[in-house]
Amino acid sequence: MAYQSGFLKYRVTVQNKVAGKGFGETTKFQDVATVWASVTFTKGMKAMHEGALDAYDTVMIRMRYNNFTTRDSLLIYDGITYQILSFHADKQENEIQITACELVQGAPAPAQQGGAVVK
């Protein structure tokens, strides 16, 4: 897909899991690359977690096709970490489309039971 000038105007950092050294070790993520992307806020959601009301943002991120972004990656945009909810990579169109939600440190992701926890 040919992008219009200025369409991919935001910097998004892709993080992937790093293999743990021992049993029970907390999952760690490492920066893999920072790419140009289009970021669109699609909706927000509120959820109760341990008696507190939290707000979560859902975003759609579009970037050029690459081989290091996967369903298990985390994305960082504007200092906020996002967990991937849906992932569509199209090599022919040279595009990756991602729907992701804000990942709150230590809290389960709102769209999944027992979602990813980053400590």
N, C-alpha and C. Protein backbone atom coordinates (compact mmCIF):
# COMPACT_ATOMS: atom_id res chain seq x y z
N MET A 1 0.84 -1.18 0.00
CA MET A 1 0.00 0.00 0.00
C MET A 1 0.89 1.24 0.00
N ALA A 2 0.57 2.17 -0.84
CA ALA A 2 1.31 3.43 -0.88
C ALA A 2 0.66 4.39 0.12
N TYR A 3 1.46 4.91 1.02
CA TYR A 3 0.95 5.82 2.03
C TYR A 3 1.08 7.26 1.55
N GLN A 4 0.10 8.10 1.94
CA GLN A 4 0.18 9.51 1.64
C GLN A 4 1.28 10.13 2.49
N SER A 5 1.86 11.18 1.98
CA SER A 5 2.88 11.90 2.74
C SER A 5 2.28 12.37 4.06
N GLY A 6 2.96 12.07 5.16
CA GLY A 6 2.50 12.49 6.48
C GLY A 6 1.55 11.53 7.16
N PHE A 7 1.16 10.43 6.49
CA PHE A 7 0.23 9.48 7.09
C PHE A 7 0.86 8.76 8.28
N LEU A 8 2.08 8.30 8.14
CA LEU A 8 2.79 7.64 9.23
C LEU A 8 3.61 8.71 9.95
N LYS A 9 2.97 9.41 10.88
CA LYS A 9 3.63 10.58 11.47
C LYS A 9 3.97 10.44 12.95
N TYR A 10 3.72 9.27 13.54
CA TYR A 10 4.01 9.07 14.96
C TYR A 10 5.06 7.99 15.14
N ARG A 11 5.86 8.11 16.20
CA ARG A 11 6.89 7.11 16.50
C ARG A 11 6.32 6.14 17.54
N VAL A 12 6.37 4.85 17.21
CA VAL A 12 5.90 3.78 18.09
C VAL A 12 7.04 2.81 18.31
N THR A 13 7.30 2.48 19.57
CA THR A 13 8.36 1.53 19.91
C THR A 13 7.76 0.15 20.08
N VAL A 14 8.38 -0.84 19.44
CA VAL A 14 7.94 -2.24 19.53
C VAL A 14 8.84 -2.95 20.53
N GLN A 15 8.22 -3.66 21.48
CA GLN A 15 8.95 -4.44 22.45
C GLN A 15 8.55 -5.91 22.33
N ASN A 16 9.53 -6.81 22.44
CA ASN A 16 9.28 -8.25 22.41
C ASN A 16 9.77 -8.89 23.70
N LYS A 17 9.22 -10.06 24.01
CA LYS A 17 9.60 -10.80 25.21
C LYS A 17 11.06 -11.23 25.14
N VAL A 18 11.69 -11.21 26.30
CA VAL A 18 13.05 -11.69 26.44
C VAL A 18 12.98 -13.01 27.20
N ALA A 19 13.70 -14.02 26.72
CA ALA A 19 13.69 -15.33 27.38
C ALA A 19 14.17 -15.21 28.81
N GLY A 20 13.40 -15.80 29.73
CA GLY A 20 13.77 -15.78 31.14
C GLY A 20 14.88 -16.77 31.45
N LYS A 21 15.59 -16.51 32.53
CA LYS A 21 16.71 -17.37 32.89
C LYS A 21 16.29 -18.49 33.83
N GLY A 22 15.19 -18.34 34.52
CA GLY A 22 14.80 -19.36 35.48
C GLY A 22 13.30 -19.51 35.57
N PHE A 23 12.88 -20.55 36.28
CA PHE A 23 11.46 -20.83 36.46
C PHE A 23 10.82 -19.75 37.33
N GLY A 24 9.65 -19.29 36.93
CA GLY A 24 8.91 -18.32 37.72
C GLY A 24 9.40 -16.89 37.59
N GLU A 25 10.33 -16.64 36.71
CA GLU A 25 10.84 -15.29 36.52
C GLU A 25 9.80 -14.42 35.85
N THR A 26 9.69 -13.18 36.27
CA THR A 26 8.75 -12.24 35.69
C THR A 26 9.09 -11.99 34.22
N THR A 27 8.07 -11.95 33.38
CA THR A 27 8.28 -11.70 31.95
C THR A 27 8.86 -10.32 31.75
N LYS A 28 9.89 -10.25 30.94
CA LYS A 28 10.53 -8.98 30.63
C LYS A 28 10.41 -8.71 29.13
N PHE A 29 10.35 -7.44 28.79
CA PHE A 29 10.27 -7.02 27.40
C PHE A 29 11.44 -6.11 27.08
N GLN A 30 11.89 -6.17 25.82
CA GLN A 30 13.03 -5.39 25.38
C GLN A 30 12.66 -4.64 24.11
N ASP A 31 13.13 -3.38 24.00
CA ASP A 31 12.89 -2.61 22.78
C ASP A 31 13.53 -3.31 21.59
N VAL A 32 12.76 -3.47 20.51
CA VAL A 32 13.26 -4.09 19.28
C VAL A 32 13.51 -3.03 18.22
N ALA A 33 12.53 -2.13 18.06
CA ALA A 33 12.66 -1.08 17.05
C ALA A 33 11.67 0.03 17.33
N THR A 34 11.94 1.19 16.79
CA THR A 34 11.00 2.30 16.81
C THR A 34 10.64 2.59 15.36
N VAL A 35 9.33 2.56 15.06
CA VAL A 35 8.87 2.67 13.68
C VAL A 35 7.91 3.85 13.53
N TRP A 36 7.74 4.29 12.29
CA TRP A 36 6.75 5.31 11.98
C TRP A 36 5.40 4.62 11.84
N ALA A 37 4.36 5.23 12.40
CA ALA A 37 3.04 4.60 12.38
C ALA A 37 1.94 5.66 12.39
N SER A 38 0.75 5.21 12.05
CA SER A 38 -0.46 6.01 12.19
C SER A 38 -1.16 5.54 13.45
N VAL A 39 -1.56 6.45 14.33
CA VAL A 39 -2.21 6.08 15.58
C VAL A 39 -3.55 6.80 15.65
N THR A 40 -4.63 6.02 15.81
CA THR A 40 -5.98 6.57 15.91
C THR A 40 -6.64 6.03 17.16
N PHE A 41 -7.14 6.93 18.01
CA PHE A 41 -7.85 6.51 19.22
C PHE A 41 -9.27 6.16 18.82
N THR A 42 -9.66 4.90 19.09
CA THR A 42 -10.96 4.44 18.64
C THR A 42 -12.02 4.48 19.72
N LYS A 43 -11.65 4.17 20.96
CA LYS A 43 -12.64 4.20 22.04
C LYS A 43 -11.93 4.14 23.38
N GLY A 44 -12.67 4.41 24.41
CA GLY A 44 -12.16 4.30 25.77
C GLY A 44 -13.06 3.36 26.55
N MET A 45 -12.57 2.91 27.68
CA MET A 45 -13.36 1.99 28.49
C MET A 45 -12.98 2.21 29.95
N LYS A 46 -13.93 1.96 30.82
CA LYS A 46 -13.65 2.04 32.25
C LYS A 46 -13.84 0.66 32.86
N ALA A 47 -13.01 0.32 33.82
CA ALA A 47 -13.10 -1.00 34.45
C ALA A 47 -12.74 -0.88 35.92
N MET A 48 -13.35 -1.73 36.72
CA MET A 48 -13.02 -1.78 38.14
C MET A 48 -11.89 -2.77 38.36
N HIS A 49 -10.88 -2.35 39.10
CA HIS A 49 -9.76 -3.22 39.45
C HIS A 49 -9.40 -2.96 40.90
N GLU A 50 -9.60 -3.96 41.73
CA GLU A 50 -9.30 -3.86 43.16
C GLU A 50 -9.98 -2.64 43.78
N GLY A 51 -11.25 -2.44 43.43
CA GLY A 51 -12.03 -1.37 44.02
C GLY A 51 -11.78 0.01 43.45
N ALA A 52 -10.89 0.12 42.48
CA ALA A 52 -10.61 1.43 41.88
C ALA A 52 -11.09 1.44 40.44
N LEU A 53 -11.59 2.57 40.01
CA LEU A 53 -12.06 2.71 38.64
C LEU A 53 -10.89 3.16 37.77
N ASP A 54 -10.57 2.36 36.75
CA ASP A 54 -9.48 2.68 35.83
C ASP A 54 -10.07 2.95 34.45
N ALA A 55 -9.44 3.84 33.70
CA ALA A 55 -9.84 4.13 32.33
C ALA A 55 -8.78 3.58 31.38
N TYR A 56 -9.23 2.95 30.31
CA TYR A 56 -8.33 2.38 29.33
C TYR A 56 -8.64 2.95 27.95
N ASP A 57 -7.61 3.22 27.18
CA ASP A 57 -7.79 3.69 25.81
C ASP A 57 -7.54 2.54 24.85
N THR A 58 -8.31 2.49 23.77
CA THR A 58 -8.09 1.53 22.71
C THR A 58 -7.67 2.31 21.48
N VAL A 59 -6.61 1.84 20.82
CA VAL A 59 -6.07 2.53 19.66
C VAL A 59 -5.95 1.59 18.47
N MET A 60 -6.00 2.17 17.27
CA MET A 60 -5.68 1.43 16.06
C MET A 60 -4.35 1.97 15.57
N ILE A 61 -3.41 1.06 15.35
CA ILE A 61 -2.08 1.44 14.89
C ILE A 61 -1.81 0.77 13.56
N ARG A 62 -1.39 1.57 12.59
CA ARG A 62 -1.01 1.03 11.27
C ARG A 62 0.44 1.38 11.02
N MET A 63 1.20 0.39 10.57
CA MET A 63 2.62 0.59 10.27
C MET A 63 2.99 -0.23 9.05
N ARG A 64 4.16 0.04 8.52
CA ARG A 64 4.65 -0.78 7.40
C ARG A 64 4.94 -2.19 7.88
N TYR A 65 4.81 -3.15 6.98
CA TYR A 65 5.07 -4.55 7.32
C TYR A 65 6.51 -4.73 7.80
N ASN A 66 6.67 -5.53 8.85
CA ASN A 66 8.00 -5.91 9.33
C ASN A 66 7.90 -7.31 9.92
N ASN A 67 9.04 -7.94 10.18
CA ASN A 67 9.01 -9.31 10.69
C ASN A 67 9.26 -9.40 12.19
N PHE A 68 9.35 -8.27 12.89
CA PHE A 68 9.62 -8.31 14.33
C PHE A 68 8.40 -7.98 15.18
N THR A 69 7.35 -7.42 14.60
CA THR A 69 6.13 -7.15 15.35
C THR A 69 5.24 -8.39 15.29
N THR A 70 4.83 -8.90 16.46
CA THR A 70 3.99 -10.09 16.54
C THR A 70 2.80 -9.83 17.47
N ARG A 71 1.92 -10.80 17.57
CA ARG A 71 0.77 -10.69 18.48
C ARG A 71 1.21 -10.53 19.93
N ASP A 72 2.38 -11.04 20.27
CA ASP A 72 2.88 -11.00 21.65
C ASP A 72 3.68 -9.75 21.96
N SER A 73 3.88 -8.87 20.99
CA SER A 73 4.65 -7.65 21.21
C SER A 73 3.86 -6.66 22.06
N LEU A 74 4.57 -5.76 22.71
CA LEU A 74 3.97 -4.59 23.34
C LEU A 74 4.37 -3.38 22.51
N LEU A 75 3.51 -2.36 22.51
CA LEU A 75 3.78 -1.15 21.75
C LEU A 75 3.78 0.03 22.70
N ILE A 76 4.72 0.94 22.52
CA ILE A 76 4.79 2.13 23.36
C ILE A 76 4.60 3.34 22.46
N TYR A 77 3.58 4.14 22.79
CA TYR A 77 3.31 5.36 22.06
C TYR A 77 3.06 6.48 23.07
N ASP A 78 3.77 7.56 22.94
CA ASP A 78 3.60 8.74 23.79
C ASP A 78 3.75 8.37 25.28
N GLY A 79 4.67 7.45 25.57
CA GLY A 79 4.95 7.06 26.95
C GLY A 79 3.97 6.07 27.56
N ILE A 80 3.00 5.61 26.79
CA ILE A 80 1.99 4.66 27.27
C ILE A 80 2.21 3.31 26.60
N THR A 81 2.17 2.24 27.39
CA THR A 81 2.36 0.89 26.86
C THR A 81 1.00 0.29 26.49
N TYR A 82 0.95 -0.32 25.29
CA TYR A 82 -0.28 -0.92 24.78
C TYR A 82 -0.06 -2.41 24.51
N GLN A 83 -1.08 -3.21 24.84
CA GLN A 83 -1.09 -4.64 24.57
C GLN A 83 -1.92 -4.90 23.32
N ILE A 84 -1.43 -5.74 22.43
CA ILE A 84 -2.11 -6.02 21.18
C ILE A 84 -3.31 -6.93 21.41
N LEU A 85 -4.48 -6.49 20.90
CA LEU A 85 -5.71 -7.28 20.99
C LEU A 85 -5.98 -8.00 19.68
N SER A 86 -5.79 -7.30 18.56
CA SER A 86 -5.94 -7.94 17.25
C SER A 86 -4.78 -7.50 16.37
N PHE A 87 -4.37 -8.41 15.48
CA PHE A 87 -3.16 -8.21 14.70
C PHE A 87 -3.39 -8.76 13.30
N HIS A 88 -3.17 -7.92 12.30
CA HIS A 88 -3.31 -8.37 10.91
C HIS A 88 -2.10 -7.86 10.11
N ALA A 89 -1.25 -8.78 9.69
CA ALA A 89 -0.07 -8.44 8.90
C ALA A 89 -0.31 -8.88 7.46
N ASP A 90 -0.17 -7.95 6.53
CA ASP A 90 -0.38 -8.23 5.12
C ASP A 90 0.88 -7.87 4.36
N LYS A 91 1.67 -8.88 4.03
CA LYS A 91 2.95 -8.65 3.36
C LYS A 91 2.76 -8.07 1.97
N GLN A 92 1.72 -8.52 1.26
CA GLN A 92 1.47 -8.01 -0.09
C GLN A 92 1.14 -6.52 -0.09
N GLU A 93 0.37 -6.09 0.90
CA GLU A 93 0.00 -4.68 1.01
C GLU A 93 1.05 -3.87 1.77
N ASN A 94 2.07 -4.55 2.30
CA ASN A 94 3.15 -3.92 3.06
C ASN A 94 2.61 -3.15 4.26
N GLU A 95 1.67 -3.80 4.99
CA GLU A 95 1.00 -3.10 6.08
C GLU A 95 0.70 -4.04 7.25
N ILE A 96 0.77 -3.50 8.45
CA ILE A 96 0.31 -4.20 9.65
C ILE A 96 -0.75 -3.31 10.29
N GLN A 97 -1.91 -3.89 10.60
CA GLN A 97 -2.98 -3.19 11.30
C GLN A 97 -3.15 -3.83 12.66
N ILE A 98 -3.13 -3.02 13.70
CA ILE A 98 -3.19 -3.52 15.07
C ILE A 98 -4.25 -2.75 15.84
N THR A 99 -5.03 -3.48 16.64
CA THR A 99 -5.88 -2.86 17.64
C THR A 99 -5.26 -3.21 18.98
N ALA A 100 -5.05 -2.21 19.82
CA ALA A 100 -4.36 -2.42 21.09
C ALA A 100 -5.04 -1.62 22.18
N CYS A 101 -4.90 -2.09 23.43
CA CYS A 101 -5.45 -1.35 24.55
C CYS A 101 -4.33 -1.03 25.53
N GLU A 102 -4.54 0.03 26.29
CA GLU A 102 -3.57 0.48 27.27
C GLU A 102 -3.33 -0.60 28.31
N LEU A 103 -2.07 -0.84 28.62
CA LEU A 103 -1.69 -1.84 29.60
C LEU A 103 -1.33 -1.12 30.89
N VAL A 104 -2.12 -1.35 31.94
CA VAL A 104 -1.87 -0.71 33.23
C VAL A 104 -0.93 -1.61 34.02
N GLN A 105 0.16 -1.05 34.52
CA GLN A 105 1.17 -1.82 35.24
C GLN A 105 0.54 -2.60 36.40
N GLY A 106 0.71 -3.93 36.38
CA GLY A 106 0.24 -4.78 37.46
C GLY A 106 -1.22 -5.16 37.41
N ALA A 107 -1.98 -4.64 36.45
CA ALA A 107 -3.41 -4.95 36.36
C ALA A 107 -3.67 -5.82 35.14
N PRO A 108 -4.69 -6.70 35.21
CA PRO A 108 -5.02 -7.49 34.03
C PRO A 108 -5.57 -6.60 32.94
N ALA A 109 -5.29 -6.97 31.70
CA ALA A 109 -5.81 -6.20 30.57
C ALA A 109 -7.33 -6.27 30.58
N PRO A 110 -8.02 -5.20 30.23
CA PRO A 110 -9.48 -5.17 30.33
C PRO A 110 -10.19 -6.12 29.40
N ALA A 111 -9.60 -6.47 28.26
CA ALA A 111 -10.27 -7.31 27.27
C ALA A 111 -10.04 -8.79 27.50
N GLN A 112 -9.20 -9.15 28.48
CA GLN A 112 -8.87 -10.54 28.71
C GLN A 112 -8.88 -10.83 30.19
N GLN A 113 -9.24 -12.04 30.56
CA GLN A 113 -9.10 -12.48 31.94
C GLN A 113 -7.65 -12.83 32.16
N GLY A 114 -7.05 -12.32 33.21
CA GLY A 114 -5.66 -12.67 33.51
C GLY A 114 -4.72 -12.23 32.42
N GLY A 115 -4.91 -11.05 31.85
CA GLY A 115 -4.07 -10.55 30.77
C GLY A 115 -2.62 -10.40 31.17
N ALA A 116 -1.81 -9.93 30.27
CA ALA A 116 -0.37 -9.80 30.49
C ALA A 116 -0.10 -8.85 31.65
N VAL A 117 0.85 -9.20 32.47
CA VAL A 117 1.24 -8.36 33.59
C VAL A 117 2.71 -8.01 33.42
N VAL A 118 3.01 -6.75 33.51
CA VAL A 118 4.38 -6.30 33.41
C VAL A 118 4.76 -5.73 34.75
N LYS A 119 5.82 -6.22 35.35
CA LYS A 119 6.25 -5.72 36.66
C LYS A 119 7.57 -5.03 36.55
